[in-house]
N, C-alpha and C. Protein backbone atom coordinates (compact mmCIF):
# COMPACT_ATOMS: atom_id res chain seq x y z
N MET A 1 64.48 82.78 93.93
CA MET A 1 64.93 83.10 92.61
C MET A 1 64.47 82.04 91.61
N SER A 2 64.04 80.88 92.04
CA SER A 2 63.71 79.79 91.13
C SER A 2 62.36 79.97 90.43
N ASN A 3 61.42 80.66 91.02
CA ASN A 3 60.10 80.82 90.42
C ASN A 3 59.90 82.20 89.81
N MET A 4 60.97 82.79 89.30
CA MET A 4 60.88 84.12 88.72
C MET A 4 60.59 84.03 87.22
N THR A 5 59.77 84.95 86.73
CA THR A 5 59.56 85.04 85.29
C THR A 5 60.75 85.74 84.67
N THR A 6 60.81 85.72 83.35
CA THR A 6 61.91 86.38 82.66
C THR A 6 61.92 87.86 82.96
N SER A 7 60.75 88.48 82.95
CA SER A 7 60.69 89.92 83.23
C SER A 7 61.10 90.21 84.68
N ASP A 8 60.79 89.30 85.60
CA ASP A 8 61.23 89.46 86.99
C ASP A 8 62.76 89.40 87.08
N ARG A 9 63.34 88.49 86.31
CA ARG A 9 64.80 88.36 86.30
C ARG A 9 65.46 89.60 85.74
N VAL A 10 64.90 90.14 84.67
CA VAL A 10 65.45 91.36 84.07
C VAL A 10 65.38 92.51 85.07
N ALA A 11 64.23 92.65 85.72
CA ALA A 11 64.05 93.72 86.71
C ALA A 11 65.02 93.54 87.88
N ALA A 12 65.19 92.31 88.34
CA ALA A 12 66.09 92.04 89.47
C ALA A 12 67.54 92.34 89.09
N SER A 13 67.92 91.99 87.87
CA SER A 13 69.28 92.26 87.42
C SER A 13 69.54 93.76 87.35
N ARG A 14 68.59 94.50 86.83
CA ARG A 14 68.75 95.96 86.73
C ARG A 14 68.79 96.60 88.11
N GLU A 15 67.95 96.11 89.01
CA GLU A 15 67.93 96.65 90.37
C GLU A 15 69.24 96.37 91.09
N ALA A 16 69.77 95.16 90.91
CA ALA A 16 71.05 94.81 91.53
C ALA A 16 72.17 95.71 91.01
N LYS A 17 72.17 95.95 89.70
CA LYS A 17 73.19 96.83 89.13
C LYS A 17 73.08 98.23 89.71
N SER A 18 71.86 98.73 89.81
CA SER A 18 71.64 100.06 90.37
C SER A 18 72.13 100.14 91.81
N LEU A 19 71.81 99.13 92.60
CA LEU A 19 72.23 99.10 94.00
C LEU A 19 73.75 99.06 94.13
N VAL A 20 74.40 98.24 93.31
CA VAL A 20 75.86 98.14 93.37
C VAL A 20 76.49 99.49 93.03
N LEU A 21 75.96 100.15 92.02
CA LEU A 21 76.53 101.45 91.62
C LEU A 21 76.36 102.49 92.73
N ARG A 22 75.19 102.48 93.37
CA ARG A 22 74.97 103.44 94.47
C ARG A 22 75.83 103.10 95.67
N LEU A 23 75.95 101.82 95.99
CA LEU A 23 76.80 101.41 97.11
C LEU A 23 78.27 101.73 96.82
N ASN A 24 78.66 101.62 95.57
CA ASN A 24 80.04 101.92 95.21
C ASN A 24 80.37 103.39 95.48
N GLU A 25 79.44 104.28 95.22
CA GLU A 25 79.68 105.70 95.49
C GLU A 25 79.89 105.94 96.99
N ILE A 26 79.12 105.25 97.81
CA ILE A 26 79.27 105.37 99.26
C ILE A 26 80.60 104.74 99.69
N TYR A 27 80.92 103.58 99.09
CA TYR A 27 82.15 102.87 99.44
C TYR A 27 83.38 103.73 99.15
N LYS A 28 83.36 104.46 98.05
CA LYS A 28 84.50 105.31 97.69
C LYS A 28 84.81 106.32 98.79
N LYS A 29 83.78 106.77 99.50
CA LYS A 29 83.97 107.77 100.55
C LYS A 29 84.33 107.13 101.89
N THR A 30 83.73 105.98 102.18
CA THR A 30 83.90 105.39 103.52
C THR A 30 84.93 104.27 103.59
N LYS A 31 85.16 103.57 102.49
CA LYS A 31 86.07 102.40 102.45
C LYS A 31 85.67 101.34 103.48
N ASP A 32 84.36 101.19 103.68
CA ASP A 32 83.83 100.22 104.63
C ASP A 32 83.87 98.82 104.00
N SER A 33 84.55 97.89 104.64
CA SER A 33 84.70 96.55 104.09
C SER A 33 83.37 95.80 104.04
N GLU A 34 82.45 96.12 104.94
CA GLU A 34 81.13 95.48 104.90
C GLU A 34 80.38 95.86 103.63
N LEU A 35 80.53 97.09 103.19
CA LEU A 35 79.90 97.51 101.93
C LEU A 35 80.49 96.74 100.76
N MET A 36 81.79 96.53 100.78
CA MET A 36 82.43 95.77 99.71
C MET A 36 81.89 94.35 99.68
N ASP A 37 81.75 93.73 100.84
CA ASP A 37 81.20 92.38 100.91
C ASP A 37 79.78 92.34 100.37
N LEU A 38 78.98 93.33 100.71
CA LEU A 38 77.61 93.40 100.22
C LEU A 38 77.59 93.56 98.70
N MET A 39 78.45 94.40 98.18
CA MET A 39 78.51 94.59 96.72
C MET A 39 78.92 93.29 96.03
N LYS A 40 79.84 92.54 96.62
CA LYS A 40 80.27 91.27 96.04
C LYS A 40 79.12 90.27 96.02
N ARG A 41 78.36 90.21 97.12
CA ARG A 41 77.22 89.29 97.16
C ARG A 41 76.16 89.67 96.13
N LEU A 42 75.87 90.97 96.02
CA LEU A 42 74.90 91.43 95.03
C LEU A 42 75.37 91.13 93.61
N THR A 43 76.64 91.34 93.36
CA THR A 43 77.18 91.09 92.03
C THR A 43 77.09 89.61 91.68
N GLU A 44 77.35 88.75 92.63
CA GLU A 44 77.27 87.31 92.39
C GLU A 44 75.83 86.90 92.07
N LYS A 45 74.87 87.43 92.82
CA LYS A 45 73.46 87.13 92.54
C LYS A 45 73.07 87.65 91.16
N LYS A 46 73.54 88.83 90.81
CA LYS A 46 73.26 89.42 89.51
C LYS A 46 73.81 88.53 88.39
N ARG A 47 75.02 88.03 88.57
CA ARG A 47 75.63 87.15 87.57
C ARG A 47 74.82 85.86 87.40
N ARG A 48 74.34 85.31 88.50
CA ARG A 48 73.53 84.09 88.42
C ARG A 48 72.24 84.34 87.66
N ILE A 49 71.62 85.48 87.93
CA ILE A 49 70.38 85.84 87.24
C ILE A 49 70.66 86.00 85.74
N GLU A 50 71.72 86.72 85.41
CA GLU A 50 72.04 86.95 84.00
C GLU A 50 72.41 85.65 83.29
N LYS A 51 73.09 84.76 84.00
CA LYS A 51 73.43 83.46 83.43
C LYS A 51 72.16 82.68 83.10
N ARG A 52 71.19 82.76 83.99
CA ARG A 52 69.91 82.09 83.76
C ARG A 52 69.16 82.72 82.59
N LEU A 53 69.26 84.04 82.46
CA LEU A 53 68.59 84.72 81.35
C LEU A 53 69.18 84.33 80.00
N LYS A 54 70.48 84.18 79.95
CA LYS A 54 71.15 83.86 78.69
C LYS A 54 70.91 82.41 78.29
N GLY A 55 70.68 81.54 79.24
CA GLY A 55 70.41 80.14 78.95
C GLY A 55 71.67 79.37 78.63
N MET A 56 71.48 78.14 78.21
CA MET A 56 72.58 77.24 77.89
C MET A 56 73.10 77.55 76.49
N PRO A 57 74.40 77.53 76.31
CA PRO A 57 74.95 77.73 74.96
C PRO A 57 74.67 76.52 74.07
N ASP A 58 74.51 76.76 72.78
CA ASP A 58 74.32 75.66 71.84
C ASP A 58 75.61 74.88 71.67
N LEU A 59 75.52 73.58 71.69
CA LEU A 59 76.70 72.74 71.57
C LEU A 59 76.83 72.17 70.17
N THR A 60 76.06 72.67 69.22
CA THR A 60 76.12 72.14 67.86
C THR A 60 77.14 72.83 67.01
């Protein structure tokens, strides 16, 4: 994740969101705890990518 361009980060964030939404539909039917864990891991990675995209807040 460290050598990604901005466009790579945007694409990865969108893909993660899409995956989580699709996994959520399956989770609603199966209630599989492994799927929930996977969704949590994907969401955390997505948040890190988005945090990197937004950058540091101005302190002025």
